[in-house]
Amino acid sequence: MRKKILLCCFLLFLFSVSMYAQELNATVIINNSQLGTSVDQSIFTTLQKQITDFLNNRKWTGDVFQSNEKILCNFTLTVTSIKSQNEYSAQLIVQAARPVYNSSYQTALVNYQDQQITFKYAPGQQLNFNPNQIAGSDPLVSNLTAVLAYYANIILGMNYDSFGMNGGKLYFAQAMNIVTAAPQNADIKGWQLFDGQRNRYWLANNLTDSKFGNIHQVFYTYFHQGLDSLYDNEIHAKNNIFDALKILQQLNDANPNSMGKQFFTENRNAEFIGIFKQAWPGIKQQALQTLVAIDPQSTDKYNTELK
């Protein structure tokens, strides 16, 4: 009887762990080499662990994720300068990927560099985030966790969108809520529409504004109906991927160089080329024209590889 009770307790423990399994499997790197020896390295070693725990141990959704379903992501924070005591300027590279069905290939969901990071961090400081009080008592302290939570929701939104039509709507809305309630300070940039044409505000705007609603059709068609179907029906899958790119071209024609379009196409040229290089000539040429239209920065690469 005692063994049965222990077994039941163990199974209940495993069940409770799986019920509250977190969603992200984030690797965090902090690069402070630009500061030289002016700062104690242990400060950033501690911060790196705290950010890792913040991202990986927090429950971001109400869904259950198995260990093999966690989203692989990287957060690389490069500290570029010291503004004042315990106050830093930095750049953040956020990357996330998910597996493609029936393959060992990982396709990028997010590959983005944010160059407008300012934060305050002192030894022993805790990383706290309250979605109902995002700005906090000290905007420069709360700005770091606001940025991290923002990109966690962007990653989740992209992941859900890639598996189901408008599946990421809730998480994109939560990212926009963070933008709306973001810390306000003269030194804090990236949350306002006037902080530039490429920032957190414009990305969240493009992912929540109905004017850009077709971007979610692009995500779902490209990832799930396209990449995930390549193994089962290559021709049909490549047609779906081409359809997704045509929708993106139409969206770009109506809203030239939008943030959402840039966010999706950036650093994806090698994947596009790999998809269409072995396609039948008709669709390859159509794809070439569309790719040049939506990603003109990579025109030379497309012309070289797809002509």
Protein backbone atom coordinates (compact mmCIF):
# COMPACT_ATOMS: atom_id res chain seq x y z
CA MET A 1 0.00 0.00 0.00
CA ARG A 2 2.81 2.42 0.94
CA LYS A 3 4.46 1.84 -2.45
CA LYS A 4 1.19 2.58 -4.24
CA ILE A 5 0.78 5.83 -2.30
CA LEU A 6 4.34 6.87 -3.15
CA LEU A 7 3.77 6.03 -6.82
CA CYS A 8 0.56 8.07 -6.88
CA CYS A 9 2.33 11.02 -5.24
CA PHE A 10 5.15 10.80 -7.80
CA LEU A 11 2.71 10.68 -10.72
CA LEU A 12 0.79 13.66 -9.31
CA PHE A 13 4.09 15.53 -9.03
CA LEU A 14 4.96 14.79 -12.66
CA PHE A 15 1.46 15.83 -13.73
CA SER A 16 1.70 19.11 -11.81
CA VAL A 17 5.10 19.86 -13.37
CA SER A 18 3.80 19.22 -16.89
CA MET A 19 0.70 21.30 -16.24
CA TYR A 20 2.86 24.31 -15.43
CA ALA A 21 5.75 23.67 -17.80
CA GLN A 22 7.10 26.93 -19.14
CA GLU A 23 7.05 27.77 -22.82
CA LEU A 24 10.50 29.17 -23.61
CA ASN A 25 13.87 27.47 -23.79
CA ALA A 26 15.98 30.61 -23.92
CA THR A 27 19.75 30.90 -24.05
CA VAL A 28 20.92 34.28 -22.79
CA ILE A 29 24.30 35.84 -23.51
CA ILE A 30 25.48 39.19 -22.17
CA ASN A 31 28.43 40.73 -23.98
CA ASN A 32 30.03 43.58 -22.06
CA SER A 33 33.43 43.53 -23.79
CA GLN A 34 32.93 47.09 -25.05
CA LEU A 35 33.08 48.32 -21.44
CA GLY A 36 36.60 47.01 -20.97
CA THR A 37 37.63 46.45 -17.35
CA SER A 38 35.65 49.39 -15.97
CA VAL A 39 32.85 47.16 -14.64
CA ASP A 40 32.91 44.12 -12.40
CA GLN A 41 32.25 41.11 -14.66
CA SER A 42 30.30 39.35 -11.90
CA ILE A 43 27.52 41.92 -12.23
CA PHE A 44 26.74 40.77 -15.76
CA THR A 45 27.24 37.10 -14.93
CA THR A 46 24.51 37.48 -12.30
CA LEU A 47 22.29 39.48 -14.64
CA GLN A 48 22.66 36.84 -17.37
CA LYS A 49 21.40 34.15 -14.99
CA GLN A 50 18.55 36.37 -13.80
CA ILE A 51 17.39 37.07 -17.36
CA THR A 52 17.59 33.36 -18.19
CA ASP A 53 15.46 32.52 -15.16
CA PHE A 54 13.04 35.36 -15.97
CA LEU A 55 12.42 34.06 -19.48
CA ASN A 56 12.47 30.32 -18.82
CA ASN A 57 10.80 30.04 -15.41
CA ARG A 58 7.91 32.42 -15.94
CA LYS A 59 4.57 31.04 -17.19
CA TRP A 60 3.69 33.14 -20.24
CA THR A 61 0.55 31.33 -21.45
CA GLY A 62 -2.29 29.22 -20.11
CA ASP A 63 -1.32 26.27 -22.31
CA VAL A 64 0.68 23.17 -21.45
CA PHE A 65 4.02 22.79 -23.23
CA GLN A 66 5.90 19.50 -23.12
CA SER A 67 9.68 19.73 -22.80
CA ASN A 68 10.16 18.98 -26.51
CA GLU A 69 7.63 21.68 -27.44
CA LYS A 70 9.43 24.55 -25.76
CA ILE A 71 10.40 27.33 -28.13
CA LEU A 72 14.13 27.55 -28.74
CA CYS A 73 15.26 31.17 -28.55
CA ASN A 74 18.37 33.29 -27.99
CA PHE A 75 18.66 36.68 -26.32
CA THR A 76 22.04 38.36 -26.86
CA LEU A 77 22.42 41.60 -24.93
CA THR A 78 25.45 43.65 -25.95
CA VAL A 79 26.16 46.41 -23.44
CA THR A 80 27.66 49.29 -25.38
CA SER A 81 28.21 52.05 -22.81
CA ILE A 82 27.73 53.23 -19.23
CA LYS A 83 25.45 56.27 -19.11
CA SER A 84 25.75 56.82 -15.35
CA GLN A 85 26.12 54.72 -12.22
CA ASN A 86 24.29 51.38 -12.78
CA GLU A 87 22.74 52.74 -15.99
CA TYR A 88 23.62 51.21 -19.36
CA SER A 89 22.96 51.47 -23.08
CA ALA A 90 22.73 48.21 -25.01
CA GLN A 91 21.61 46.39 -28.13
CA LEU A 92 19.53 43.23 -28.05
CA ILE A 93 19.41 40.48 -30.66
CA VAL A 94 16.36 38.24 -30.33
CA GLN A 95 16.19 34.96 -32.22
CA ALA A 96 13.64 32.16 -32.09
CA ALA A 97 12.99 29.10 -34.24
CA ARG A 98 10.68 26.16 -34.54
CA PRO A 99 11.08 22.75 -36.20
CA VAL A 100 9.56 22.01 -39.61
CA TYR A 101 7.41 18.88 -39.75
CA ASN A 102 9.11 15.66 -40.86
CA SER A 103 12.57 17.23 -40.98
CA SER A 104 15.53 18.22 -38.82
CA TYR A 105 15.32 21.79 -40.15
CA GLN A 106 14.62 24.71 -37.82
CA THR A 107 12.96 27.73 -39.43
CA ALA A 108 13.40 31.18 -37.93
CA LEU A 109 10.36 32.77 -36.29
CA VAL A 110 12.22 35.84 -35.04
CA ASN A 111 15.63 37.23 -35.98
CA TYR A 112 15.67 40.85 -34.94
CA GLN A 113 18.08 43.43 -33.54
CA ASP A 114 16.81 46.14 -31.19
CA GLN A 115 19.33 48.96 -30.92
CA GLN A 116 17.40 51.13 -28.46
CA ILE A 117 17.89 49.53 -25.05
CA THR A 118 18.54 51.59 -21.93
CA PHE A 119 18.31 50.09 -18.46
CA LYS A 120 19.43 50.40 -14.86
CA TYR A 121 20.74 47.42 -12.98
CA ALA A 122 22.49 47.24 -9.62
CA PRO A 123 24.03 44.18 -7.90
CA GLY A 124 21.38 42.27 -5.99
CA GLN A 125 18.49 43.82 -7.91
CA GLN A 126 15.56 41.53 -8.71
CA LEU A 127 13.96 41.37 -12.16
CA ASN A 128 10.28 41.97 -11.55
CA PHE A 129 7.50 42.30 -14.10
CA ASN A 130 3.87 43.11 -13.34
CA PRO A 131 1.69 43.27 -16.49
CA ASN A 132 -0.73 45.51 -14.59
CA GLN A 133 1.99 47.97 -13.57
CA ILE A 134 4.60 47.80 -16.29
CA ALA A 135 6.29 51.16 -15.78
CA GLY A 136 7.09 50.55 -12.11
CA SER A 137 8.47 53.09 -9.66
CA ASP A 138 11.74 53.56 -11.57
CA PRO A 139 11.27 53.53 -15.37
CA LEU A 140 14.91 52.73 -16.11
CA VAL A 141 14.77 49.69 -13.80
CA SER A 142 11.48 48.37 -15.18
CA ASN A 143 12.43 49.02 -18.80
CA LEU A 144 14.61 45.91 -19.01
CA THR A 145 11.88 43.50 -17.93
CA ALA A 146 9.33 45.33 -20.10
CA VAL A 147 11.57 44.77 -23.14
CA LEU A 148 12.11 41.10 -22.25
CA ALA A 149 8.39 40.48 -21.71
CA TYR A 150 7.59 42.28 -24.95
CA TYR A 151 9.84 40.00 -27.01
CA ALA A 152 8.65 36.90 -25.15
CA ASN A 153 5.14 37.73 -26.33
CA ILE A 154 6.32 38.45 -29.89
CA ILE A 155 8.01 35.03 -29.96
CA LEU A 156 4.90 33.33 -28.62
CA GLY A 157 2.69 35.16 -31.09
CA MET A 158 4.86 34.13 -34.02
CA ASN A 159 4.93 30.51 -32.83
CA TYR A 160 1.15 30.30 -32.43
CA ASP A 161 0.54 32.12 -35.73
CA SER A 162 2.79 29.64 -37.52
CA PHE A 163 0.57 26.72 -36.47
CA GLY A 164 -2.91 28.25 -36.66
CA MET A 165 -4.57 31.14 -38.47
CA ASN A 166 -4.49 34.15 -36.10
CA GLY A 167 -3.26 31.82 -33.38
CA GLY A 168 -0.91 34.46 -31.98
CA LYS A 169 -3.49 37.24 -31.68
CA LEU A 170 -3.56 37.20 -27.87
CA TYR A 171 0.22 37.48 -27.54
CA PHE A 172 0.60 40.23 -30.10
CA ALA A 173 -2.12 42.13 -28.21
CA GLN A 174 -0.19 41.61 -24.98
CA ALA A 175 2.94 42.96 -26.66
CA MET A 176 0.94 46.03 -27.72
CA ASN A 177 -0.32 46.43 -24.15
CA ILE A 178 3.29 46.56 -22.99
CA VAL A 179 4.00 49.24 -25.60
CA THR A 180 1.03 51.30 -24.39
CA ALA A 181 2.03 51.05 -20.72
CA ALA A 182 5.80 51.13 -21.28
CA PRO A 183 8.16 53.06 -18.98
CA GLN A 184 8.41 56.75 -19.83
CA ASN A 185 11.73 58.56 -19.56
CA ALA A 186 13.68 60.93 -21.80
CA ASP A 187 16.45 58.32 -22.12
CA ILE A 188 14.11 55.43 -22.95
CA LYS A 189 13.56 54.86 -26.67
CA GLY A 190 11.76 52.33 -28.84
CA TRP A 191 8.26 52.45 -27.38
CA GLN A 192 6.94 55.51 -29.21
CA LEU A 193 5.92 56.00 -32.84
CA PHE A 194 8.25 59.02 -33.08
CA ASP A 195 11.31 57.03 -31.91
CA GLY A 196 11.93 55.95 -35.51
CA GLN A 197 10.26 53.88 -38.20
CA ARG A 198 11.69 50.61 -36.96
CA ASN A 199 11.09 49.91 -33.30
CA ARG A 200 8.91 48.07 -30.77
CA TYR A 201 5.96 50.36 -31.32
CA TRP A 202 5.81 49.84 -35.09
CA LEU A 203 6.32 46.09 -34.87
CA ALA A 204 3.47 45.65 -32.38
CA ASN A 205 1.35 48.08 -34.39
CA ASN A 206 1.83 46.11 -37.61
CA LEU A 207 0.97 42.86 -35.83
CA THR A 208 -2.25 44.17 -34.26
CA ASP A 209 -3.64 46.83 -36.63
CA SER A 210 -6.38 45.44 -38.91
CA LYS A 211 -4.81 47.38 -41.79
CA PHE A 212 -2.01 44.81 -41.72
CA GLY A 213 -4.27 41.86 -40.94
CA ASN A 214 -3.12 39.83 -43.95
CA ILE A 215 0.33 39.46 -42.39
CA HIS A 216 -1.12 36.66 -40.24
CA GLN A 217 -2.32 34.84 -43.35
CA VAL A 218 1.26 35.12 -44.60
CA PHE A 219 2.66 33.55 -41.42
CA TYR A 220 0.19 30.66 -41.32
CA THR A 221 0.36 29.90 -45.04
CA TYR A 222 4.13 30.15 -45.23
CA PHE A 223 5.00 28.10 -42.15
CA HIS A 224 2.23 25.55 -41.68
CA GLN A 225 0.67 25.15 -45.11
CA GLY A 226 4.02 25.64 -46.81
CA LEU A 227 7.14 24.51 -44.94
CA ASP A 228 5.32 21.90 -42.84
CA SER A 229 3.88 20.31 -45.99
CA LEU A 230 7.09 20.06 -48.03
CA TYR A 231 7.68 16.44 -47.06
CA ASP A 232 4.17 15.24 -47.91
CA ASN A 233 3.53 17.24 -51.10
CA GLU A 234 6.41 19.39 -52.28
CA ILE A 235 4.67 20.98 -55.27
CA HIS A 236 1.56 21.89 -53.28
CA ALA A 237 3.69 23.22 -50.41
CA LYS A 238 5.80 25.44 -52.69
CA ASN A 239 2.64 26.79 -54.31
CA ASN A 240 1.37 27.70 -50.83
CA ILE A 241 4.67 29.40 -49.98
CA PHE A 242 4.48 31.36 -53.22
CA ASP A 243 0.87 32.33 -52.38
CA ALA A 244 2.07 33.61 -48.98
CA LEU A 245 4.73 35.74 -50.67
CA LYS A 246 2.18 37.13 -53.12
CA ILE A 247 -0.04 38.17 -50.20
CA LEU A 248 3.00 39.83 -48.63
CA GLN A 249 3.72 41.65 -51.90
CA GLN A 250 0.15 42.97 -52.01
CA LEU A 251 0.47 44.09 -48.41
CA ASN A 252 3.75 45.81 -49.23
CA ASP A 253 2.25 47.53 -52.26
CA ALA A 254 -0.47 48.98 -50.04
CA ASN A 255 1.92 49.80 -47.17
CA PRO A 256 5.45 50.18 -48.59
CA ASN A 257 8.31 48.92 -46.45
CA SER A 258 6.13 48.23 -43.43
CA MET A 259 7.73 46.99 -40.23
CA GLY A 260 5.84 43.69 -40.36
CA LYS A 261 7.15 42.95 -43.86
CA GLN A 262 10.72 43.80 -42.85
CA PHE A 263 10.41 41.68 -39.72
CA PHE A 264 9.36 38.62 -41.72
CA THR A 265 11.77 38.89 -44.67
CA GLU A 266 14.90 40.03 -42.84
CA ASN A 267 17.67 37.39 -42.89
CA ARG A 268 15.36 34.90 -44.63
CA ASN A 269 16.82 35.16 -48.16
CA ALA A 270 18.79 31.91 -47.84
CA GLU A 271 15.62 30.06 -46.85
CA PHE A 272 13.67 31.55 -49.77
CA ILE A 273 16.43 30.55 -52.19
CA GLY A 274 16.59 27.03 -50.79
CA ILE A 275 12.85 26.60 -51.27
CA PHE A 276 12.67 27.78 -54.88
CA LYS A 277 16.06 26.85 -56.30
CA GLN A 278 14.83 23.37 -57.29
CA ALA A 279 11.27 24.46 -58.14
CA TRP A 280 9.91 23.99 -61.63
CA PRO A 281 10.92 26.88 -63.94
CA GLY A 282 7.53 28.60 -64.07
CA ILE A 283 7.13 29.07 -60.33
CA LYS A 284 10.85 29.79 -59.89
CA GLN A 285 10.65 32.80 -62.20
CA GLN A 286 7.47 34.06 -60.57
CA ALA A 287 9.04 33.62 -57.16
CA LEU A 288 12.12 35.55 -58.30
CA GLN A 289 10.01 38.53 -59.33
CA THR A 290 8.06 38.48 -56.07
CA LEU A 291 11.14 38.08 -53.88
CA VAL A 292 12.88 41.01 -55.55
CA ALA A 293 9.76 43.11 -54.93
CA ILE A 294 9.43 42.29 -51.23
CA ASP A 295 13.14 41.99 -50.37
CA PRO A 296 15.02 44.33 -52.73
CA GLN A 297 18.12 44.35 -50.50
CA SER A 298 18.76 40.74 -51.55
CA THR A 299 18.16 41.26 -55.29
CA ASP A 300 21.68 40.26 -56.34
CA LYS A 301 21.45 36.99 -54.38
CA TYR A 302 18.06 36.13 -55.87
CA ASN A 303 19.21 36.92 -59.40
CA THR A 304 22.34 34.80 -58.96
CA GLU A 305 20.61 31.77 -57.44
CA LEU A 306 17.18 31.71 -59.09
CA LYS A 307 17.76 32.77 -62.70
